Amino acid sequence: MSINRIEVITRQDEDHESVCELIADSFQSKFRALVNLDKHQLIKLLESIWIYDSNDLSSIQVVAKEHGKVVGTLSLKWRRTRSPSNGDRQIRFKPLFKQFGTYNVCKLIAGTHFLEYQPQANECYIEHLAVHSSHRNQGIGGQLLTWAQQYAHCSEFNKLSLHVARKNEQAIHLYEKLEFGIERTNYNLIRHCLFQTPVWHLMAWKGKALLNP
């Protein structure tokens, strides 16, 4: 497959179901550690609780499409300058508890909360990067990261950062090829208990310093 057939565009409302399916596919090991749901149930739960606000001025999400099909996605966020609007949609928890189980809903929300990171001033953070299992090792992850680097540089952020589990050597190798470096390594007890991944790297790409050494 040629990388030239992949188009990176801003996520649209109609991409919601496809993005949730992609996230469930890409992070299934983490979700499996949290909830007792099959893949179809997990996708439906994600669709219900993940409120995407296209008007949020402190984040952006893009999708990689091949012939109109979502095969990759990347989400960026930065420090908020105002409270989030949460869109026009409110989560109705009671039917979710009934359909998926109170334990599953609460643990999924708690787990995603403990994966969150609050960027510093002038920092652009990669909240997630996912490529469908059928399209991995074809350069799409690198294309999305390059898009993020260009976005961060043009938006005049001082750095572009991300977290990665220390045991994820393949991902670390990709980031290092794109000139991300490890800023610090931390042990996180909660992430250890929830996801069995105790040690995480914070990696960063300092665009202007690298582009203009």
N, C-alpha and C. Protein backbone atom coordinates (compact mmCIF):
# COMPACT_ATOMS: atom_id res chain seq x y z
N MET A 1 0.84 -1.20 0.00
CA MET A 1 0.00 0.00 0.00
C MET A 1 0.87 1.25 0.00
N SER A 2 0.56 2.18 -0.85
CA SER A 2 1.31 3.43 -0.92
C SER A 2 0.80 4.41 0.12
N ILE A 3 1.71 5.06 0.84
CA ILE A 3 1.32 6.06 1.84
C ILE A 3 0.63 7.24 1.18
N ASN A 4 0.84 7.43 -0.13
CA ASN A 4 0.22 8.55 -0.82
C ASN A 4 -1.29 8.40 -0.93
N ARG A 5 -1.79 7.18 -0.70
CA ARG A 5 -3.23 6.95 -0.75
C ARG A 5 -3.91 7.33 0.57
N ILE A 6 -3.13 7.71 1.57
CA ILE A 6 -3.67 8.06 2.88
C ILE A 6 -3.85 9.57 2.97
N GLU A 7 -5.05 9.99 3.36
CA GLU A 7 -5.38 11.41 3.52
C GLU A 7 -5.58 11.71 4.99
N VAL A 8 -4.90 12.71 5.51
CA VAL A 8 -5.06 13.14 6.90
C VAL A 8 -5.93 14.39 6.92
N ILE A 9 -7.09 14.28 7.58
CA ILE A 9 -8.05 15.38 7.63
C ILE A 9 -8.61 15.50 9.03
N THR A 10 -9.22 16.65 9.32
CA THR A 10 -9.85 16.87 10.62
C THR A 10 -11.03 15.92 10.79
N ARG A 11 -11.15 15.35 11.97
CA ARG A 11 -12.26 14.44 12.26
C ARG A 11 -13.59 15.16 12.13
N GLN A 12 -14.57 14.46 11.56
CA GLN A 12 -15.93 14.97 11.41
C GLN A 12 -16.88 14.16 12.30
N ASP A 13 -18.07 14.69 12.54
CA ASP A 13 -19.04 14.00 13.40
C ASP A 13 -19.35 12.60 12.88
N GLU A 14 -19.40 12.45 11.57
CA GLU A 14 -19.75 11.14 11.01
C GLU A 14 -18.64 10.10 11.19
N ASP A 15 -17.47 10.54 11.65
CA ASP A 15 -16.37 9.61 11.90
C ASP A 15 -16.41 9.00 13.29
N HIS A 16 -17.36 9.40 14.12
CA HIS A 16 -17.37 9.03 15.54
C HIS A 16 -17.35 7.51 15.74
N GLU A 17 -18.25 6.80 15.07
CA GLU A 17 -18.32 5.35 15.24
C GLU A 17 -17.03 4.68 14.78
N SER A 18 -16.49 5.11 13.65
CA SER A 18 -15.26 4.51 13.12
C SER A 18 -14.08 4.77 14.04
N VAL A 19 -14.01 5.98 14.62
CA VAL A 19 -12.91 6.30 15.53
C VAL A 19 -13.00 5.46 16.80
N CYS A 20 -14.21 5.30 17.34
CA CYS A 20 -14.38 4.47 18.54
C CYS A 20 -13.99 3.02 18.27
N GLU A 21 -14.35 2.52 17.08
CA GLU A 21 -13.95 1.16 16.70
C GLU A 21 -12.44 1.05 16.60
N LEU A 22 -11.80 2.07 16.05
CA LEU A 22 -10.34 2.08 15.90
C LEU A 22 -9.66 2.12 17.27
N ILE A 23 -10.16 2.97 18.18
CA ILE A 23 -9.58 3.06 19.52
C ILE A 23 -9.71 1.73 20.25
N ALA A 24 -10.88 1.09 20.14
CA ALA A 24 -11.09 -0.21 20.78
C ALA A 24 -10.13 -1.26 20.21
N ASP A 25 -9.90 -1.22 18.90
CA ASP A 25 -8.99 -2.16 18.25
C ASP A 25 -7.55 -1.93 18.67
N SER A 26 -7.13 -0.67 18.75
CA SER A 26 -5.73 -0.34 19.00
C SER A 26 -5.33 -0.51 20.47
N PHE A 27 -6.25 -0.26 21.39
CA PHE A 27 -5.91 -0.28 22.82
C PHE A 27 -6.66 -1.39 23.55
N GLN A 28 -6.92 -2.50 22.84
CA GLN A 28 -7.72 -3.56 23.42
C GLN A 28 -7.09 -4.16 24.67
N SER A 29 -5.75 -4.23 24.72
CA SER A 29 -5.12 -4.81 25.91
C SER A 29 -5.37 -3.95 27.15
N LYS A 30 -5.33 -2.63 26.98
CA LYS A 30 -5.61 -1.73 28.11
C LYS A 30 -7.07 -1.83 28.52
N PHE A 31 -7.98 -1.85 27.56
CA PHE A 31 -9.39 -1.95 27.88
C PHE A 31 -9.71 -3.30 28.53
N ARG A 32 -9.06 -4.36 28.06
CA ARG A 32 -9.31 -5.69 28.61
C ARG A 32 -8.92 -5.75 30.08
N ALA A 33 -7.91 -4.97 30.46
CA ALA A 33 -7.50 -4.92 31.86
C ALA A 33 -8.51 -4.17 32.72
N LEU A 34 -9.34 -3.35 32.08
CA LEU A 34 -10.29 -2.52 32.83
C LEU A 34 -11.69 -3.14 32.94
N VAL A 35 -12.20 -3.64 31.81
CA VAL A 35 -13.63 -4.01 31.77
C VAL A 35 -13.82 -5.41 31.23
N ASN A 36 -14.93 -5.99 31.61
CA ASN A 36 -15.31 -7.33 31.15
C ASN A 36 -16.37 -7.20 30.07
N LEU A 37 -15.95 -6.71 28.89
CA LEU A 37 -16.85 -6.50 27.77
C LEU A 37 -16.21 -7.05 26.51
N ASP A 38 -17.04 -7.56 25.60
CA ASP A 38 -16.49 -7.96 24.31
C ASP A 38 -16.26 -6.71 23.47
N LYS A 39 -15.62 -6.89 22.31
CA LYS A 39 -15.22 -5.74 21.51
C LYS A 39 -16.43 -4.92 21.05
N HIS A 40 -17.50 -5.59 20.65
CA HIS A 40 -18.70 -4.88 20.19
C HIS A 40 -19.29 -4.04 21.32
N GLN A 41 -19.38 -4.60 22.52
CA GLN A 41 -19.91 -3.86 23.67
C GLN A 41 -19.02 -2.67 24.01
N LEU A 42 -17.71 -2.88 23.95
CA LEU A 42 -16.78 -1.80 24.26
C LEU A 42 -16.94 -0.64 23.29
N ILE A 43 -17.07 -0.95 22.01
CA ILE A 43 -17.25 0.10 21.01
C ILE A 43 -18.51 0.90 21.31
N LYS A 44 -19.60 0.22 21.61
CA LYS A 44 -20.86 0.90 21.89
C LYS A 44 -20.75 1.76 23.15
N LEU A 45 -20.03 1.28 24.17
CA LEU A 45 -19.85 2.06 25.39
C LEU A 45 -19.00 3.30 25.11
N LEU A 46 -17.94 3.15 24.34
CA LEU A 46 -17.11 4.30 23.98
C LEU A 46 -17.92 5.34 23.21
N GLU A 47 -18.75 4.88 22.29
CA GLU A 47 -19.58 5.80 21.52
C GLU A 47 -20.49 6.62 22.43
N SER A 48 -20.92 6.01 23.54
CA SER A 48 -21.87 6.67 24.44
C SER A 48 -21.22 7.65 25.39
N ILE A 49 -19.99 7.34 25.84
CA ILE A 49 -19.39 8.18 26.89
C ILE A 49 -18.36 9.16 26.35
N TRP A 50 -17.90 8.95 25.13
CA TRP A 50 -16.87 9.83 24.57
C TRP A 50 -17.55 10.99 23.84
N ILE A 51 -17.60 12.12 24.51
CA ILE A 51 -18.19 13.32 23.91
C ILE A 51 -17.09 14.11 23.21
N TYR A 52 -17.18 14.19 21.91
CA TYR A 52 -16.19 14.93 21.13
C TYR A 52 -16.77 16.29 20.78
N ASP A 53 -16.07 17.35 21.17
CA ASP A 53 -16.53 18.71 20.93
C ASP A 53 -15.64 19.35 19.87
N SER A 54 -16.16 19.48 18.66
CA SER A 54 -15.38 20.06 17.57
C SER A 54 -15.11 21.54 17.77
N ASN A 55 -15.81 22.17 18.72
CA ASN A 55 -15.61 23.59 18.99
C ASN A 55 -14.62 23.85 20.13
N ASP A 56 -14.07 22.78 20.69
CA ASP A 56 -13.09 22.92 21.77
C ASP A 56 -11.82 23.57 21.23
N LEU A 57 -11.45 24.72 21.78
CA LEU A 57 -10.31 25.46 21.29
C LEU A 57 -8.99 25.00 21.91
N SER A 58 -9.03 23.93 22.71
CA SER A 58 -7.80 23.44 23.32
C SER A 58 -7.46 22.01 22.87
N SER A 59 -8.04 21.59 21.75
CA SER A 59 -7.73 20.26 21.24
C SER A 59 -8.09 20.17 19.76
N ILE A 60 -7.52 19.18 19.11
CA ILE A 60 -7.87 18.88 17.72
C ILE A 60 -7.65 17.39 17.50
N GLN A 61 -8.50 16.79 16.71
CA GLN A 61 -8.33 15.39 16.34
C GLN A 61 -8.39 15.26 14.83
N VAL A 62 -7.49 14.45 14.29
CA VAL A 62 -7.48 14.19 12.86
C VAL A 62 -7.62 12.69 12.63
N VAL A 63 -8.03 12.33 11.43
CA VAL A 63 -8.13 10.93 11.05
C VAL A 63 -7.35 10.71 9.76
N ALA A 64 -6.78 9.53 9.64
CA ALA A 64 -6.14 9.10 8.40
C ALA A 64 -7.13 8.21 7.67
N LYS A 65 -7.43 8.56 6.42
CA LYS A 65 -8.42 7.81 5.67
C LYS A 65 -7.81 7.22 4.40
N GLU A 66 -8.22 6.00 4.10
CA GLU A 66 -7.88 5.36 2.85
C GLU A 66 -9.19 5.04 2.12
N HIS A 67 -9.40 5.67 0.97
CA HIS A 67 -10.64 5.50 0.21
C HIS A 67 -11.87 5.78 1.08
N GLY A 68 -11.76 6.79 1.93
CA GLY A 68 -12.88 7.20 2.77
C GLY A 68 -13.04 6.43 4.06
N LYS A 69 -12.22 5.39 4.28
CA LYS A 69 -12.30 4.58 5.50
C LYS A 69 -11.25 5.05 6.51
N VAL A 70 -11.67 5.21 7.78
CA VAL A 70 -10.75 5.63 8.84
C VAL A 70 -9.82 4.47 9.19
N VAL A 71 -8.51 4.69 9.02
CA VAL A 71 -7.52 3.65 9.33
C VAL A 71 -6.53 4.12 10.39
N GLY A 72 -6.63 5.37 10.80
CA GLY A 72 -5.74 5.89 11.83
C GLY A 72 -6.32 7.17 12.41
N THR A 73 -5.88 7.51 13.60
CA THR A 73 -6.35 8.75 14.22
C THR A 73 -5.30 9.28 15.19
N LEU A 74 -5.30 10.57 15.38
CA LEU A 74 -4.37 11.23 16.30
C LEU A 74 -5.10 12.39 16.95
N SER A 75 -4.93 12.53 18.26
CA SER A 75 -5.57 13.60 19.01
C SER A 75 -4.52 14.44 19.74
N LEU A 76 -4.62 15.75 19.60
CA LEU A 76 -3.72 16.69 20.27
C LEU A 76 -4.51 17.54 21.25
N LYS A 77 -3.87 17.92 22.34
CA LYS A 77 -4.49 18.89 23.24
C LYS A 77 -3.41 19.77 23.84
N TRP A 78 -3.84 20.90 24.38
CA TRP A 78 -2.93 21.84 25.01
C TRP A 78 -3.65 22.49 26.18
N ARG A 79 -2.95 23.36 26.91
CA ARG A 79 -3.54 23.94 28.12
C ARG A 79 -4.78 24.74 27.79
N ARG A 80 -5.83 24.51 28.56
CA ARG A 80 -7.08 25.21 28.35
C ARG A 80 -6.97 26.67 28.78
N THR A 81 -7.63 27.54 28.06
CA THR A 81 -7.72 28.94 28.45
C THR A 81 -9.11 29.28 28.97
N ARG A 82 -10.03 28.29 28.87
CA ARG A 82 -11.38 28.46 29.40
C ARG A 82 -11.96 27.09 29.67
N SER A 83 -13.08 27.03 30.39
CA SER A 83 -13.71 25.77 30.72
C SER A 83 -14.26 25.11 29.46
N PRO A 84 -14.19 23.76 29.39
CA PRO A 84 -14.71 23.08 28.21
C PRO A 84 -16.22 23.21 28.12
N SER A 85 -16.72 23.21 26.90
CA SER A 85 -18.17 23.35 26.72
C SER A 85 -18.89 22.03 26.85
N ASN A 86 -18.16 20.89 26.67
CA ASN A 86 -18.74 19.55 26.67
C ASN A 86 -19.78 19.35 25.57
N GLY A 87 -19.72 20.19 24.55
CA GLY A 87 -20.65 20.04 23.44
C GLY A 87 -22.07 20.31 23.88
N ASP A 88 -23.01 19.78 23.12
CA ASP A 88 -24.42 19.95 23.46
C ASP A 88 -25.02 18.68 24.03
N ARG A 89 -24.18 17.69 24.27
CA ARG A 89 -24.67 16.38 24.66
C ARG A 89 -24.26 16.03 26.07
N GLN A 90 -25.20 15.49 26.85
CA GLN A 90 -24.94 15.05 28.20
C GLN A 90 -25.04 13.53 28.26
N ILE A 91 -24.17 12.92 29.06
CA ILE A 91 -24.19 11.47 29.21
C ILE A 91 -25.31 11.06 30.14
N ARG A 92 -26.12 10.10 29.72
CA ARG A 92 -27.19 9.54 30.55
C ARG A 92 -26.66 8.21 31.11
N PHE A 93 -26.26 8.24 32.38
CA PHE A 93 -25.56 7.11 32.95
C PHE A 93 -26.47 5.93 33.30
N LYS A 94 -27.69 6.20 33.71
CA LYS A 94 -28.56 5.12 34.18
C LYS A 94 -28.75 4.03 33.13
N PRO A 95 -29.10 4.38 31.87
CA PRO A 95 -29.23 3.30 30.87
C PRO A 95 -27.90 2.61 30.55
N LEU A 96 -26.77 3.35 30.69
CA LEU A 96 -25.46 2.74 30.46
C LEU A 96 -25.15 1.72 31.55
N PHE A 97 -25.48 2.06 32.80
CA PHE A 97 -25.28 1.11 33.90
C PHE A 97 -26.09 -0.16 33.66
N LYS A 98 -27.31 0.01 33.17
CA LYS A 98 -28.18 -1.14 32.93
C LYS A 98 -27.67 -1.99 31.78
N GLN A 99 -27.17 -1.36 30.72
CA GLN A 99 -26.75 -2.09 29.53
C GLN A 99 -25.38 -2.74 29.68
N PHE A 100 -24.42 -2.00 30.29
CA PHE A 100 -23.04 -2.49 30.34
C PHE A 100 -22.57 -2.87 31.74
N GLY A 101 -23.35 -2.53 32.76
CA GLY A 101 -22.95 -2.82 34.13
C GLY A 101 -22.28 -1.62 34.78
N THR A 102 -22.69 -1.32 35.99
CA THR A 102 -22.16 -0.16 36.70
C THR A 102 -20.64 -0.26 36.86
N TYR A 103 -20.16 -1.46 37.19
CA TYR A 103 -18.72 -1.65 37.39
C TYR A 103 -17.94 -1.31 36.12
N ASN A 104 -18.39 -1.82 34.99
CA ASN A 104 -17.68 -1.59 33.73
C ASN A 104 -17.66 -0.12 33.34
N VAL A 105 -18.81 0.54 33.48
CA VAL A 105 -18.89 1.96 33.10
C VAL A 105 -17.99 2.80 34.00
N CYS A 106 -18.09 2.58 35.29
CA CYS A 106 -17.31 3.39 36.24
C CYS A 106 -15.81 3.12 36.10
N LYS A 107 -15.43 1.87 35.90
CA LYS A 107 -14.01 1.56 35.81
C LYS A 107 -13.41 2.09 34.51
N LEU A 108 -14.19 2.06 33.42
CA LEU A 108 -13.68 2.61 32.16
C LEU A 108 -13.46 4.11 32.28
N ILE A 109 -14.41 4.81 32.89
CA ILE A 109 -14.27 6.25 33.07
C ILE A 109 -13.09 6.57 33.99
N ALA A 110 -12.96 5.81 35.09
CA ALA A 110 -11.85 6.04 36.01
C ALA A 110 -10.50 5.75 35.35
N GLY A 111 -10.46 4.66 34.57
CA GLY A 111 -9.21 4.29 33.91
C GLY A 111 -8.75 5.33 32.91
N THR A 112 -9.67 5.83 32.09
CA THR A 112 -9.30 6.86 31.12
C THR A 112 -8.89 8.16 31.83
N HIS A 113 -9.50 8.42 32.98
CA HIS A 113 -9.13 9.61 33.76
C HIS A 113 -7.66 9.52 34.21
N PHE A 114 -7.25 8.34 34.65
CA PHE A 114 -5.88 8.19 35.16
C PHE A 114 -4.84 8.11 34.05
N LEU A 115 -5.29 8.07 32.80
CA LEU A 115 -4.36 8.17 31.67
C LEU A 115 -4.19 9.61 31.20
N GLU A 116 -5.00 10.52 31.74
CA GLU A 116 -4.95 11.90 31.29
C GLU A 116 -3.69 12.61 31.77
N TYR A 117 -3.28 13.58 30.99
CA TYR A 117 -2.09 14.39 31.30
C TYR A 117 -2.45 15.84 31.00
N GLN A 118 -2.07 16.73 31.90
CA GLN A 118 -2.36 18.16 31.72
C GLN A 118 -1.11 18.86 31.19
N PRO A 119 -1.14 19.29 29.95
CA PRO A 119 0.05 19.94 29.36
C PRO A 119 0.39 21.26 30.07
N GLN A 120 1.66 21.60 30.01
CA GLN A 120 2.12 22.87 30.52
C GLN A 120 1.87 23.97 29.48
N ALA A 121 2.13 25.20 29.87
CA ALA A 121 2.00 26.31 28.92
C ALA A 121 2.93 26.09 27.73
N ASN A 122 2.44 26.36 26.53
CA ASN A 122 3.20 26.23 25.29
C ASN A 122 3.60 24.79 24.97
N GLU A 123 2.89 23.83 25.54
CA GLU A 123 3.14 22.41 25.26
C GLU A 123 1.94 21.82 24.53
N CYS A 124 2.20 21.12 23.45
CA CYS A 124 1.17 20.41 22.70
C CYS A 124 1.36 18.92 22.99
N TYR A 125 0.29 18.25 23.41
CA TYR A 125 0.40 16.87 23.89
C TYR A 125 -0.39 15.92 22.99
N ILE A 126 0.24 14.82 22.62
CA ILE A 126 -0.43 13.78 21.83
C ILE A 126 -1.21 12.89 22.80
N GLU A 127 -2.52 13.07 22.81
CA GLU A 127 -3.36 12.31 23.76
C GLU A 127 -3.49 10.86 23.34
N HIS A 128 -3.65 10.61 22.07
CA HIS A 128 -3.59 9.24 21.58
C HIS A 128 -3.25 9.21 20.10
N LEU A 129 -2.63 8.12 19.73
CA LEU A 129 -2.28 7.84 18.34
C LEU A 129 -2.64 6.39 18.10
N ALA A 130 -3.47 6.13 17.09
CA ALA A 130 -3.92 4.77 16.85
C ALA A 130 -3.96 4.49 15.36
N VAL A 131 -3.53 3.30 14.99
CA VAL A 131 -3.60 2.83 13.61
C VAL A 131 -4.26 1.46 13.63
N HIS A 132 -5.19 1.24 12.70
CA HIS A 132 -5.91 -0.03 12.66
C HIS A 132 -4.94 -1.19 12.47
N SER A 133 -5.24 -2.32 13.09
CA SER A 133 -4.35 -3.47 13.04
C SER A 133 -4.07 -3.94 11.61
N SER A 134 -5.02 -3.72 10.70
CA SER A 134 -4.84 -4.13 9.31
C SER A 134 -3.91 -3.20 8.54
N HIS A 135 -3.55 -2.05 9.12
CA HIS A 135 -2.75 -1.05 8.40
C HIS A 135 -1.47 -0.66 9.15
N ARG A 136 -1.08 -1.47 10.12
CA ARG A 136 0.14 -1.14 10.85
C ARG A 136 1.39 -1.50 10.05
N ASN A 137 2.51 -0.87 10.43
CA ASN A 137 3.80 -1.08 9.77
C ASN A 137 3.75 -0.68 8.30
N GLN A 138 2.93 0.31 7.99
CA GLN A 138 2.83 0.81 6.63
C GLN A 138 3.10 2.31 6.55
N GLY A 139 3.61 2.88 7.64
CA GLY A 139 4.01 4.28 7.63
C GLY A 139 2.93 5.27 8.05
N ILE A 140 1.74 4.77 8.42
CA ILE A 140 0.65 5.68 8.75
C ILE A 140 0.90 6.38 10.08
N GLY A 141 1.42 5.64 11.07
CA GLY A 141 1.74 6.26 12.35
C GLY A 141 2.76 7.38 12.18
N GLY A 142 3.78 7.15 11.37
CA GLY A 142 4.77 8.18 11.11
C GLY A 142 4.17 9.38 10.39
N GLN A 143 3.25 9.13 9.46
CA GLN A 143 2.60 10.22 8.75
C GLN A 143 1.78 11.08 9.71
N LEU A 144 1.07 10.44 10.64
CA LEU A 144 0.28 11.19 11.62
C LEU A 144 1.18 11.98 12.56
N LEU A 145 2.30 11.39 12.97
CA LEU A 145 3.22 12.10 13.85
C LEU A 145 3.86 13.29 13.14
N THR A 146 4.19 13.11 11.88
CA THR A 146 4.74 14.23 11.11
C THR A 146 3.73 15.35 10.99
N TRP A 147 2.46 14.99 10.79
CA TRP A 147 1.39 16.00 10.76
C TRP A 147 1.36 16.76 12.09
N ALA A 148 1.47 16.02 13.21
CA ALA A 148 1.45 16.65 14.53
C ALA A 148 2.63 17.58 14.73
N GLN A 149 3.82 17.17 14.26
CA GLN A 149 5.00 18.02 14.36
C GLN A 149 4.81 19.33 13.57
N GLN A 150 4.27 19.21 12.39
CA GLN A 150 4.04 20.41 11.57
C GLN A 150 2.99 21.31 12.22
N TYR A 151 1.95 20.71 12.78
CA TYR A 151 0.92 21.50 13.44
C TYR A 151 1.49 22.23 14.66
N ALA A 152 2.25 21.51 15.48
CA ALA A 152 2.83 22.12 16.69
C ALA A 152 3.79 23.24 16.32
N HIS A 153 4.59 23.02 15.27
CA HIS A 153 5.55 24.04 14.86
C HIS A 153 4.85 25.28 14.32
N CYS A 154 3.85 25.07 13.46
CA CYS A 154 3.13 26.21 12.88
C CYS A 154 2.31 26.96 13.92
N SER A 155 1.89 26.25 14.97
CA SER A 155 1.11 26.89 16.04
C SER A 155 2.00 27.51 17.11
N GLU A 156 3.31 27.40 16.92
CA GLU A 156 4.31 28.02 17.80
C GLU A 156 4.31 27.47 19.22
N PHE A 157 4.02 26.16 19.35
CA PHE A 157 4.24 25.51 20.64
C PHE A 157 5.73 25.27 20.82
N ASN A 158 6.17 25.26 22.07
CA ASN A 158 7.59 25.03 22.34
C ASN A 158 7.99 23.57 22.22
N LYS A 159 7.01 22.68 22.46
CA LYS A 159 7.33 21.26 22.33
C LYS A 159 6.06 20.46 22.09
N LEU A 160 6.27 19.27 21.54
CA LEU A 160 5.23 18.28 21.29
C LEU A 160 5.58 17.06 22.13
N SER A 161 4.67 16.61 22.97
CA SER A 161 5.00 15.55 23.91
C SER A 161 4.01 14.39 23.85
N LEU A 162 4.39 13.29 24.46
CA LEU A 162 3.53 12.11 24.54
C LEU A 162 4.04 11.19 25.64
N HIS A 163 3.16 10.30 26.11
CA HIS A 163 3.56 9.26 27.05
C HIS A 163 3.57 7.92 26.33
N VAL A 164 4.51 7.07 26.71
CA VAL A 164 4.59 5.73 26.14
C VAL A 164 5.10 4.79 27.23
N ALA A 165 4.52 3.59 27.30
CA ALA A 165 4.98 2.59 28.26
C ALA A 165 6.42 2.17 27.91
N ARG A 166 7.25 2.03 28.92
CA ARG A 166 8.66 1.69 28.69
C ARG A 166 8.81 0.36 27.95
N LYS A 167 7.86 -0.56 28.14
CA LYS A 167 7.96 -1.86 27.49
C LYS A 167 7.55 -1.83 26.01
N ASN A 168 6.99 -0.72 25.55
CA ASN A 168 6.54 -0.61 24.16
C ASN A 168 7.72 -0.16 23.29
N GLU A 169 8.64 -1.06 23.07
CA GLU A 169 9.89 -0.73 22.38
C GLU A 169 9.66 -0.33 20.92
N GLN A 170 8.69 -0.94 20.26
CA GLN A 170 8.43 -0.61 18.86
C GLN A 170 7.99 0.84 18.71
N ALA A 171 7.08 1.28 19.59
CA ALA A 171 6.62 2.67 19.54
C ALA A 171 7.76 3.63 19.87
N ILE A 172 8.55 3.31 20.87
CA ILE A 172 9.67 4.17 21.26
C ILE A 172 10.65 4.33 20.10
N HIS A 173 10.90 3.25 19.38
CA HIS A 173 11.80 3.32 18.23
C HIS A 173 11.26 4.26 17.16
N LEU A 174 9.95 4.20 16.91
CA LEU A 174 9.34 5.10 15.93
C LEU A 174 9.48 6.55 16.38
N TYR A 175 9.21 6.83 17.64
CA TYR A 175 9.30 8.21 18.14
C TYR A 175 10.74 8.72 18.05
N GLU A 176 11.69 7.87 18.38
CA GLU A 176 13.08 8.30 18.31
C GLU A 176 13.51 8.58 16.87
N LYS A 177 13.00 7.82 15.91
CA LYS A 177 13.30 8.08 14.50
C LYS A 177 12.81 9.47 14.09
N LEU A 178 11.73 9.93 14.72
CA LEU A 178 11.17 11.24 14.41
C LEU A 178 11.67 12.31 15.38
N GLU A 179 12.79 12.02 16.05
CA GLU A 179 13.52 12.98 16.88
C GLU A 179 12.79 13.36 18.17
N PHE A 180 11.96 12.45 18.69
CA PHE A 180 11.46 12.59 20.05
C PHE A 180 12.53 12.03 20.99
N GLY A 181 12.70 12.69 22.13
CA GLY A 181 13.63 12.23 23.14
C GLY A 181 12.94 12.04 24.47
N ILE A 182 13.48 11.15 25.30
CA ILE A 182 12.90 10.89 26.62
C ILE A 182 13.25 12.04 27.55
N GLU A 183 12.23 12.70 28.09
CA GLU A 183 12.44 13.79 29.05
C GLU A 183 12.52 13.26 30.47
N ARG A 184 11.66 12.33 30.80
CA ARG A 184 11.72 11.73 32.14
C ARG A 184 10.99 10.39 32.11
N THR A 185 11.29 9.57 33.10
CA THR A 185 10.69 8.25 33.24
C THR A 185 10.10 8.15 34.65
N ASN A 186 8.85 7.73 34.73
CA ASN A 186 8.17 7.69 36.02
C ASN A 186 7.52 6.33 36.25
N TYR A 187 7.51 5.93 37.52
CA TYR A 187 6.71 4.79 37.95
C TYR A 187 5.36 5.33 38.42
N ASN A 188 4.27 4.72 37.94
CA ASN A 188 2.93 5.17 38.31
C ASN A 188 2.17 3.99 38.91
N LEU A 189 1.90 4.06 40.22
CA LEU A 189 1.26 2.95 40.92
C LEU A 189 -0.14 2.67 40.39
N ILE A 190 -0.92 3.73 40.14
CA ILE A 190 -2.29 3.53 39.68
C ILE A 190 -2.31 2.88 38.30
N ARG A 191 -1.46 3.36 37.38
CA ARG A 191 -1.41 2.75 36.06
C ARG A 191 -0.89 1.31 36.13
N HIS A 192 -0.01 1.06 37.11
CA HIS A 192 0.47 -0.31 37.31
C HIS A 192 -0.69 -1.22 37.68
N CYS A 193 -1.51 -0.77 38.63
CA CYS A 193 -2.63 -1.58 39.10
C CYS A 193 -3.71 -1.75 38.02
N LEU A 194 -3.99 -0.68 37.28
CA LEU A 194 -5.07 -0.72 36.30
C LEU A 194 -4.67 -1.41 35.01
N PHE A 195 -3.45 -1.14 34.53
CA PHE A 195 -3.07 -1.59 33.19
C PHE A 195 -1.86 -2.52 33.16
N GLN A 196 -1.29 -2.85 34.33
CA GLN A 196 -0.10 -3.69 34.40
C GLN A 196 1.06 -3.08 33.60
N THR A 197 1.09 -1.75 33.52
CA THR A 197 2.20 -1.04 32.85
C THR A 197 2.75 0.00 33.84
N PRO A 198 3.71 -0.39 34.66
CA PRO A 198 4.14 0.46 35.77
C PRO A 198 5.03 1.64 35.39
N VAL A 199 5.83 1.52 34.33
CA VAL A 199 6.84 2.53 34.04
C VAL A 199 6.55 3.18 32.69
N TRP A 200 6.53 4.51 32.69
CA TRP A 200 6.16 5.28 31.50
C TRP A 200 7.22 6.33 31.21
N HIS A 201 7.48 6.56 29.93
CA HIS A 201 8.35 7.65 29.49
C HIS A 201 7.48 8.83 29.06
N LEU A 202 7.91 10.03 29.41
CA LEU A 202 7.40 11.23 28.77
C LEU A 202 8.43 11.61 27.72
N MET A 203 8.03 11.57 26.45
CA MET A 203 8.92 11.90 25.35
C MET A 203 8.49 13.21 24.72
N ALA A 204 9.44 13.96 24.19
CA ALA A 204 9.12 15.28 23.64
C ALA A 204 9.95 15.56 22.40
N TRP A 205 9.33 16.29 21.51
CA TRP A 205 9.98 16.82 20.30
C TRP A 205 9.91 18.34 20.40
N LYS A 206 11.06 18.97 20.42
CA LYS A 206 11.12 20.42 20.56
C LYS A 206 11.37 21.01 19.17
N GLY A 207 10.28 21.29 18.51
CA GLY A 207 10.29 21.61 17.09
C GLY A 207 11.24 22.68 16.66
N LYS A 208 11.14 23.87 17.25
CA LYS A 208 11.96 25.00 16.78
C LYS A 208 13.42 24.75 17.08
N ALA A 209 13.70 24.10 18.21
CA ALA A 209 15.10 23.82 18.54
C ALA A 209 15.69 22.83 17.54
N LEU A 210 14.87 21.88 17.08
CA LEU A 210 15.37 20.88 16.15
C LEU A 210 15.41 21.41 14.72
N LEU A 211 14.42 22.23 14.37
CA LEU A 211 14.38 22.77 13.03
C LEU A 211 15.41 23.86 12.83
N ASN A 212 15.74 24.54 13.93
CA ASN A 212 16.70 25.64 13.85
C ASN A 212 17.76 25.47 14.94
N PRO A 213 18.62 24.47 14.85
CA PRO A 213 19.60 24.19 15.90
C PRO A 213 20.63 25.31 16.02
